[in-house]
Amino acid sequence: MEKQFVWRQLTESDMDEAKRFVYQYYSKQLPLAKIFRVKDEEMRKRNLEQTELMIKNGTSYGCFQKLSGKFAAIIQCSVLLKDEAKTKLKCEENCSAELSALSRFVGWMLKDIFTDLNAEKLLVHCYGAVADEFKRNGLLDTAGDLTKKSALRLGCEYEVGLVVNAYAGRAAANQKEPVFTIREITFRDYVDPETGMKPNLELLPVHTYAKTVYRKVHPSTSCEHSSKL
């Protein structure tokens, strides 16, 4: 498989192709958007704005088939600093109640994470996607080394990600390096931190729980922190 594909950091010259890929293979299938009933067009704007930021920040990687040069997969991350206020995306201003609720959920899942991990800088996995014709080649599994190198290069202490369905949960459990849970919530028990109410969620059997998971960038230092909130 390694002989068939190559991963590399995306640059601004890849911007248009990366945005098309994200829209086709990620935005239309995003579990969290469906759970919170966010409209496809609104989610597309959010993902494309994120894609642009992550490519410019050097935290976006694309996988290409060597023989054809086709875009096969993408994985993108963001850097979070402890004392830096989270930048609000343009698409999140005056947005729908559904997108606003989704954004608050993501914020809630990452709440207090710097304190809990005693960290100053984190690399957050935003999303990964694989083109239909290249699935079942383990492409996202091979991207783990890239994100780790990215975290090391950027001086991040931990890699952090959100698990929002059973499939992602199994993938996280099968990582080569241990992945730990720092926050877990059953969707049916989640209460919006702003409204104090349970949002109107669309839940399938695989959409039962969400977790915030992490792994230390320097695995030589042992750590384990598991809690259920």
C-alpha atoms as a PDB file:
ATOM      1  CA  MET A   1       0.000   0.000   0.000  1.00  0.00           C
ATOM      2  CA  GLU A   2       2.823   2.411   0.881  1.00  0.00           C
ATOM      3  CA  LYS A   3       4.168   2.079  -2.642  1.00  0.00           C
ATOM      4  CA  GLN A   4       0.852   3.184  -4.136  1.00  0.00           C
ATOM      5  CA  PHE A   5       0.273   6.404  -2.167  1.00  0.00           C
ATOM      6  CA  VAL A   6       2.221   9.377  -0.881  1.00  0.00           C
ATOM      7  CA  TRP A   7       1.309  11.863   1.875  1.00  0.00           C
ATOM      8  CA  ARG A   8       2.540  15.462   1.876  1.00  0.00           C
ATOM      9  CA  GLN A   9       1.768  18.777   3.553  1.00  0.00           C
ATOM     10  CA  LEU A  10      -0.730  20.786   1.520  1.00  0.00           C
ATOM     11  CA  THR A  11       0.099  24.294   0.340  1.00  0.00           C
ATOM     12  CA  GLU A  12      -1.981  27.158  -0.992  1.00  0.00           C
ATOM     13  CA  SER A  13      -1.508  25.787  -4.507  1.00  0.00           C
ATOM     14  CA  ASP A  14      -3.631  22.801  -3.378  1.00  0.00           C
ATOM     15  CA  MET A  15      -6.388  25.012  -1.945  1.00  0.00           C
ATOM     16  CA  ASP A  16      -9.071  24.636  -4.609  1.00  0.00           C
ATOM     17  CA  GLU A  17      -8.603  20.888  -4.992  1.00  0.00           C
ATOM     18  CA  ALA A  18      -8.545  20.380  -1.212  1.00  0.00           C
ATOM     19  CA  LYS A  19     -11.780  22.350  -0.770  1.00  0.00           C
ATOM     20  CA  ARG A  20     -13.533  20.289  -3.458  1.00  0.00           C
ATOM     21  CA  PHE A  21     -12.325  17.098  -1.813  1.00  0.00           C
ATOM     22  CA  VAL A  22     -13.457  18.167   1.668  1.00  0.00           C
ATOM     23  CA  TYR A  23     -16.902  19.107   0.388  1.00  0.00           C
ATOM     24  CA  GLN A  24     -17.393  15.880  -1.552  1.00  0.00           C
ATOM     25  CA  TYR A  25     -15.992  13.366   0.913  1.00  0.00           C
ATOM     26  CA  TYR A  26     -16.365  15.029   4.297  1.00  0.00           C
ATOM     27  CA  SER A  27     -18.969  17.778   4.570  1.00  0.00           C
ATOM     28  CA  LYS A  28     -21.724  15.671   3.012  1.00  0.00           C
ATOM     29  CA  GLN A  29     -21.039  12.760   5.357  1.00  0.00           C
ATOM     30  CA  LEU A  30     -20.078  14.487   8.618  1.00  0.00           C
ATOM     31  CA  PRO A  31     -21.733  12.597  11.505  1.00  0.00           C
ATOM     32  CA  LEU A  32     -21.762  15.570  13.893  1.00  0.00           C
ATOM     33  CA  ALA A  33     -23.530  17.758  11.333  1.00  0.00           C
ATOM     34  CA  LYS A  34     -26.223  15.139  10.852  1.00  0.00           C
ATOM     35  CA  ILE A  35     -26.593  14.626  14.599  1.00  0.00           C
ATOM     36  CA  PHE A  36     -27.167  18.368  15.125  1.00  0.00           C
ATOM     37  CA  ARG A  37     -29.276  18.674  11.939  1.00  0.00           C
ATOM     38  CA  VAL A  38     -27.015  21.306  10.367  1.00  0.00           C
ATOM     39  CA  LYS A  39     -27.839  21.938   6.696  1.00  0.00           C
ATOM     40  CA  ASP A  40     -25.289  20.704   4.155  1.00  0.00           C
ATOM     41  CA  GLU A  41     -24.611  24.129   2.666  1.00  0.00           C
ATOM     42  CA  GLU A  42     -23.986  25.699   6.056  1.00  0.00           C
ATOM     43  CA  MET A  43     -21.656  22.880   7.098  1.00  0.00           C
ATOM     44  CA  ARG A  44     -19.845  23.169   3.779  1.00  0.00           C
ATOM     45  CA  LYS A  45     -19.052  26.836   4.450  1.00  0.00           C
ATOM     46  CA  ARG A  46     -17.723  25.996   7.909  1.00  0.00           C
ATOM     47  CA  ASN A  47     -15.513  23.145   6.669  1.00  0.00           C
ATOM     48  CA  LEU A  48     -14.138  25.129   3.736  1.00  0.00           C
ATOM     49  CA  GLU A  49     -13.267  28.067   5.968  1.00  0.00           C
ATOM     50  CA  GLN A  50     -11.498  25.672   8.336  1.00  0.00           C
ATOM     51  CA  THR A  51      -9.683  24.044   5.404  1.00  0.00           C
ATOM     52  CA  GLU A  52      -8.367  27.391   4.216  1.00  0.00           C
ATOM     53  CA  LEU A  53      -7.070  28.251   7.691  1.00  0.00           C
ATOM     54  CA  MET A  54      -5.410  24.879   8.231  1.00  0.00           C
ATOM     55  CA  ILE A  55      -3.661  24.869   4.861  1.00  0.00           C
ATOM     56  CA  LYS A  56      -2.321  28.372   5.537  1.00  0.00           C
ATOM     57  CA  ASN A  57      -1.210  27.275   9.019  1.00  0.00           C
ATOM     58  CA  GLY A  58       0.634  24.204   7.710  1.00  0.00           C
ATOM     59  CA  THR A  59      -1.518  21.651   9.529  1.00  0.00           C
ATOM     60  CA  SER A  60      -3.227  20.083   6.526  1.00  0.00           C
ATOM     61  CA  TYR A  61      -1.997  16.950   4.729  1.00  0.00           C
ATOM     62  CA  GLY A  62      -3.146  15.301   1.540  1.00  0.00           C
ATOM     63  CA  CYS A  63      -2.608  11.762   0.284  1.00  0.00           C
ATOM     64  CA  PHE A  64      -2.175  11.145  -3.442  1.00  0.00           C
ATOM     65  CA  GLN A  65      -2.137   8.000  -5.553  1.00  0.00           C
ATOM     66  CA  LYS A  66       1.325   7.871  -7.132  1.00  0.00           C
ATOM     67  CA  LEU A  67       0.260   6.343 -10.432  1.00  0.00           C
ATOM     68  CA  SER A  68      -2.592   8.751 -11.254  1.00  0.00           C
ATOM     69  CA  GLY A  69      -1.816  11.722  -9.016  1.00  0.00           C
ATOM     70  CA  LYS A  70      -5.399  11.577  -7.740  1.00  0.00           C
ATOM     71  CA  PHE A  71      -6.293  13.137  -4.398  1.00  0.00           C
ATOM     72  CA  ALA A  72      -7.002  10.080  -2.219  1.00  0.00           C
ATOM     73  CA  ALA A  73      -7.344  11.373   1.356  1.00  0.00           C
ATOM     74  CA  ILE A  74      -6.958  14.388   3.611  1.00  0.00           C
ATOM     75  CA  ILE A  75      -6.300  14.967   7.304  1.00  0.00           C
ATOM     76  CA  GLN A  76      -6.394  18.385   8.950  1.00  0.00           C
ATOM     77  CA  CYS A  77      -5.550  19.752  12.398  1.00  0.00           C
ATOM     78  CA  SER A  78      -5.572  23.013  14.337  1.00  0.00           C
ATOM     79  CA  VAL A  79      -3.279  24.338  17.042  1.00  0.00           C
ATOM     80  CA  LEU A  80      -4.844  25.570  20.285  1.00  0.00           C
ATOM     81  CA  LEU A  81      -2.975  27.706  22.829  1.00  0.00           C
ATOM     82  CA  LYS A  82      -3.944  27.845  26.491  1.00  0.00           C
ATOM     83  CA  ASP A  83      -4.120  31.623  26.827  1.00  0.00           C
ATOM     84  CA  GLU A  84      -5.342  32.404  23.323  1.00  0.00           C
ATOM     85  CA  ALA A  85      -9.044  33.023  22.746  1.00  0.00           C
ATOM     86  CA  LYS A  86     -10.611  30.677  20.200  1.00  0.00           C
ATOM     87  CA  THR A  87     -11.083  32.384  16.864  1.00  0.00           C
ATOM     88  CA  LYS A  88     -14.702  32.385  15.796  1.00  0.00           C
ATOM     89  CA  LEU A  89     -15.231  31.475  12.157  1.00  0.00           C
ATOM     90  CA  LYS A  90     -17.068  33.963   9.948  1.00  0.00           C
ATOM     91  CA  CYS A  91     -19.681  31.343   9.148  1.00  0.00           C
ATOM     92  CA  GLU A  92     -20.454  31.011  12.873  1.00  0.00           C
ATOM     93  CA  GLU A  93     -21.562  34.645  13.107  1.00  0.00           C
ATOM     94  CA  ASN A  94     -25.330  35.062  12.682  1.00  0.00           C
ATOM     95  CA  CYS A  95     -25.590  31.362  11.868  1.00  0.00           C
ATOM     96  CA  SER A  96     -28.469  28.953  12.336  1.00  0.00           C
ATOM     97  CA  ALA A  97     -29.449  27.676  15.765  1.00  0.00           C
ATOM     98  CA  GLU A  98     -28.301  24.195  14.698  1.00  0.00           C
ATOM     99  CA  LEU A  99     -24.763  25.259  13.744  1.00  0.00           C
ATOM    100  CA  SER A 100     -24.513  27.394  16.854  1.00  0.00           C
ATOM    101  CA  ALA A 101     -25.520  24.394  18.989  1.00  0.00           C
ATOM    102  CA  LEU A 102     -22.943  22.200  17.242  1.00  0.00           C
ATOM    103  CA  SER A 103     -20.198  24.780  17.854  1.00  0.00           C
ATOM    104  CA  ARG A 104     -21.099  25.001  21.546  1.00  0.00           C
ATOM    105  CA  PHE A 105     -20.992  21.203  21.792  1.00  0.00           C
ATOM    106  CA  VAL A 106     -17.456  21.112  20.371  1.00  0.00           C
ATOM    107  CA  GLY A 107     -16.454  23.876  22.786  1.00  0.00           C
ATOM    108  CA  TRP A 108     -17.978  21.961  25.683  1.00  0.00           C
ATOM    109  CA  MET A 109     -16.115  18.782  24.745  1.00  0.00           C
ATOM    110  CA  LEU A 110     -12.827  20.729  24.844  1.00  0.00           C
ATOM    111  CA  LYS A 111     -13.691  22.761  27.954  1.00  0.00           C
ATOM    112  CA  ASP A 112     -10.963  22.833  30.629  1.00  0.00           C
ATOM    113  CA  ILE A 113      -8.759  20.508  28.596  1.00  0.00           C
ATOM    114  CA  PHE A 114      -5.647  22.628  29.142  1.00  0.00           C
ATOM    115  CA  THR A 115      -6.153  22.420  32.893  1.00  0.00           C
ATOM    116  CA  ASP A 116      -7.007  18.718  32.825  1.00  0.00           C
ATOM    117  CA  LEU A 117      -3.895  17.875  30.789  1.00  0.00           C
ATOM    118  CA  ASN A 118      -1.702  20.543  32.405  1.00  0.00           C
ATOM    119  CA  ALA A 119      -0.754  21.674  28.900  1.00  0.00           C
ATOM    120  CA  GLU A 120       0.017  24.937  27.118  1.00  0.00           C
ATOM    121  CA  LYS A 121      -0.325  23.931  23.461  1.00  0.00           C
ATOM    122  CA  LEU A 122      -2.427  21.236  21.768  1.00  0.00           C
ATOM    123  CA  LEU A 123      -2.826  19.860  18.263  1.00  0.00           C
ATOM    124  CA  VAL A 124      -6.519  19.164  17.676  1.00  0.00           C
ATOM    125  CA  HIS A 125      -7.532  16.690  14.972  1.00  0.00           C
ATOM    126  CA  CYS A 126     -10.338  18.406  13.070  1.00  0.00           C
ATOM    127  CA  TYR A 127     -11.142  15.827  10.427  1.00  0.00           C
ATOM    128  CA  GLY A 128      -9.982  13.228   7.980  1.00  0.00           C
ATOM    129  CA  ALA A 129     -11.619  11.868   4.842  1.00  0.00           C
ATOM    130  CA  VAL A 130     -10.898   9.292   2.134  1.00  0.00           C
ATOM    131  CA  ALA A 131     -12.207   9.232  -1.427  1.00  0.00           C
ATOM    132  CA  ASP A 132     -14.679   6.399  -1.994  1.00  0.00           C
ATOM    133  CA  GLU A 133     -12.481   4.614  -4.539  1.00  0.00           C
ATOM    134  CA  PHE A 134      -9.521   4.505  -2.147  1.00  0.00           C
ATOM    135  CA  LYS A 135     -11.244   3.322   1.017  1.00  0.00           C
ATOM    136  CA  ARG A 136     -10.109   0.144   2.774  1.00  0.00           C
ATOM    137  CA  ASN A 137      -6.451   0.956   2.070  1.00  0.00           C
ATOM    138  CA  GLY A 138      -5.725   2.085   5.631  1.00  0.00           C
ATOM    139  CA  LEU A 139      -4.881   5.605   4.499  1.00  0.00           C
ATOM    140  CA  LEU A 140      -6.037   7.394   7.641  1.00  0.00           C
ATOM    141  CA  ASP A 141      -4.225   4.825   9.772  1.00  0.00           C
ATOM    142  CA  THR A 142      -0.948   5.794   8.100  1.00  0.00           C
ATOM    143  CA  ALA A 143      -1.586   9.493   8.771  1.00  0.00           C
ATOM    144  CA  GLY A 144      -0.868   9.124  12.478  1.00  0.00           C
ATOM    145  CA  ASP A 145       2.867   9.614  11.981  1.00  0.00           C
ATOM    146  CA  LEU A 146       2.187  12.829  10.059  1.00  0.00           C
ATOM    147  CA  THR A 147       0.098  14.377  12.801  1.00  0.00           C
ATOM    148  CA  LYS A 148       2.642  13.368  15.410  1.00  0.00           C
ATOM    149  CA  LYS A 149       5.442  15.003  13.403  1.00  0.00           C
ATOM    150  CA  SER A 150       3.253  18.076  12.980  1.00  0.00           C
ATOM    151  CA  ALA A 151       2.670  18.249  16.729  1.00  0.00           C
ATOM    152  CA  LEU A 152       6.390  17.903  17.425  1.00  0.00           C
ATOM    153  CA  ARG A 153       7.282  20.543  14.840  1.00  0.00           C
ATOM    154  CA  LEU A 154       4.772  22.987  16.311  1.00  0.00           C
ATOM    155  CA  GLY A 155       5.753  22.348  19.923  1.00  0.00           C
ATOM    156  CA  CYS A 156       2.444  20.762  20.978  1.00  0.00           C
ATOM    157  CA  GLU A 157       2.361  18.589  24.075  1.00  0.00           C
ATOM    158  CA  TYR A 158      -0.684  16.496  23.155  1.00  0.00           C
ATOM    159  CA  GLU A 159      -2.789  15.476  20.178  1.00  0.00           C
ATOM    160  CA  VAL A 160      -6.516  15.725  20.890  1.00  0.00           C
ATOM    161  CA  GLY A 161      -9.548  14.541  18.951  1.00  0.00           C
ATOM    162  CA  LEU A 162     -13.309  14.071  19.201  1.00  0.00           C
ATOM    163  CA  VAL A 163     -14.923  10.660  18.761  1.00  0.00           C
ATOM    164  CA  VAL A 164     -18.600  11.040  17.882  1.00  0.00           C
ATOM    165  CA  ASN A 165     -19.733   7.594  16.733  1.00  0.00           C
ATOM    166  CA  ALA A 166     -19.010   3.907  17.191  1.00  0.00           C
ATOM    167  CA  TYR A 167     -16.904   3.664  14.019  1.00  0.00           C
ATOM    168  CA  ALA A 168     -14.565   6.442  15.146  1.00  0.00           C
ATOM    169  CA  GLY A 169     -14.447   4.844  18.583  1.00  0.00           C
ATOM    170  CA  ARG A 170     -13.176   1.568  17.138  1.00  0.00           C
ATOM    171  CA  ALA A 171     -10.613   3.415  15.014  1.00  0.00           C
ATOM    172  CA  ALA A 172      -9.312   5.280  18.070  1.00  0.00           C
ATOM    173  CA  ALA A 173      -9.073   2.041  20.047  1.00  0.00           C
ATOM    174  CA  ASN A 174      -7.025   0.429  17.275  1.00  0.00           C
ATOM    175  CA  GLN A 175      -4.327   3.116  17.128  1.00  0.00           C
ATOM    176  CA  LYS A 176      -0.726   1.888  17.339  1.00  0.00           C
ATOM    177  CA  GLU A 177      -0.058   4.218  20.276  1.00  0.00           C
ATOM    178  CA  PRO A 178      -2.408   4.305  23.298  1.00  0.00           C
ATOM    179  CA  VAL A 179      -5.271   6.800  23.111  1.00  0.00           C
ATOM    180  CA  PHE A 180      -6.886   7.895  26.376  1.00  0.00           C
ATOM    181  CA  THR A 181     -10.304   9.352  27.165  1.00  0.00           C
ATOM    182  CA  ILE A 182     -10.556  12.582  29.115  1.00  0.00           C
ATOM    183  CA  ARG A 183     -14.273  13.343  28.645  1.00  0.00           C
ATOM    184  CA  GLU A 184     -17.245  11.216  27.634  1.00  0.00           C
ATOM    185  CA  ILE A 185     -20.916  12.051  27.225  1.00  0.00           C
ATOM    186  CA  THR A 186     -23.960  10.097  26.106  1.00  0.00           C
ATOM    187  CA  PHE A 187     -25.719  12.194  23.473  1.00  0.00           C
ATOM    188  CA  ARG A 188     -29.092  11.654  25.101  1.00  0.00           C
ATOM    189  CA  ASP A 189     -27.727  13.118  28.343  1.00  0.00           C
ATOM    190  CA  TYR A 190     -26.051  16.171  26.796  1.00  0.00           C
ATOM    191  CA  VAL A 191     -27.455  19.564  27.818  1.00  0.00           C
ATOM    192  CA  ASP A 192     -26.586  22.721  25.865  1.00  0.00           C
ATOM    193  CA  PRO A 193     -24.386  24.869  28.157  1.00  0.00           C
ATOM    194  CA  GLU A 194     -25.983  28.107  26.910  1.00  0.00           C
ATOM    195  CA  THR A 195     -29.672  27.205  26.746  1.00  0.00           C
ATOM    196  CA  GLY A 196     -29.717  24.621  29.540  1.00  0.00           C
ATOM    197  CA  MET A 197     -31.862  22.420  27.304  1.00  0.00           C
ATOM    198  CA  LYS A 198     -31.345  19.196  25.388  1.00  0.00           C
ATOM    199  CA  PRO A 199     -30.862  20.007  21.690  1.00  0.00           C
ATOM    200  CA  ASN A 200     -33.022  18.366  19.040  1.00  0.00           C
ATOM    201  CA  LEU A 201     -30.606  15.668  17.913  1.00  0.00           C
ATOM    202  CA  GLU A 202     -30.950  13.097  15.140  1.00  0.00           C
ATOM    203  CA  LEU A 203     -29.449   9.923  16.587  1.00  0.00           C
ATOM    204  CA  LEU A 204     -28.767   6.633  14.847  1.00  0.00           C
ATOM    205  CA  PRO A 205     -27.665   3.440  16.647  1.00  0.00           C
ATOM    206  CA  VAL A 206     -23.984   4.345  16.045  1.00  0.00           C
ATOM    207  CA  HIS A 207     -24.509   7.858  17.492  1.00  0.00           C
ATOM    208  CA  THR A 208     -24.709   6.934  21.149  1.00  0.00           C
ATOM    209  CA  TYR A 209     -21.801   8.709  22.794  1.00  0.00           C
ATOM    210  CA  ALA A 210     -19.011  11.208  22.205  1.00  0.00           C
ATOM    211  CA  LYS A 211     -15.518  11.239  23.680  1.00  0.00           C
ATOM    212  CA  THR A 212     -12.628  13.645  23.868  1.00  0.00           C
ATOM    213  CA  VAL A 213      -9.505  11.546  23.415  1.00  0.00           C
ATOM    214  CA  TYR A 214      -5.822  12.380  23.565  1.00  0.00           C
ATOM    215  CA  ARG A 215      -2.324  11.007  23.297  1.00  0.00           C
ATOM    216  CA  LYS A 216       0.911  12.530  24.501  1.00  0.00           C
ATOM    217  CA  VAL A 217       3.261  13.711  21.780  1.00  0.00           C
ATOM    218  CA  HIS A 218       6.254  12.383  23.708  1.00  0.00           C
ATOM    219  CA  PRO A 219       5.183   8.808  24.532  1.00  0.00           C
ATOM    220  CA  SER A 220       8.264   8.256  26.702  1.00  0.00           C
ATOM    221  CA  THR A 221       6.420  10.099  29.477  1.00  0.00           C
ATOM    222  CA  SER A 222       3.660   7.836  30.714  1.00  0.00           C
ATOM    223  CA  CYS A 223       0.253   9.323  31.422  1.00  0.00           C
ATOM    224  CA  GLU A 224      -3.291   8.165  31.730  1.00  0.00           C
ATOM    225  CA  HIS A 225      -6.310  10.233  32.619  1.00  0.00           C
ATOM    226  CA  SER A 226      -9.794   8.805  32.212  1.00  0.00           C
ATOM    227  CA  SER A 227     -13.017  10.354  33.388  1.00  0.00           C
ATOM    228  CA  LYS A 228     -16.687  10.221  32.566  1.00  0.00           C
ATOM    229  CA  LEU A 229     -18.659  13.462  32.845  1.00  0.00           C
END
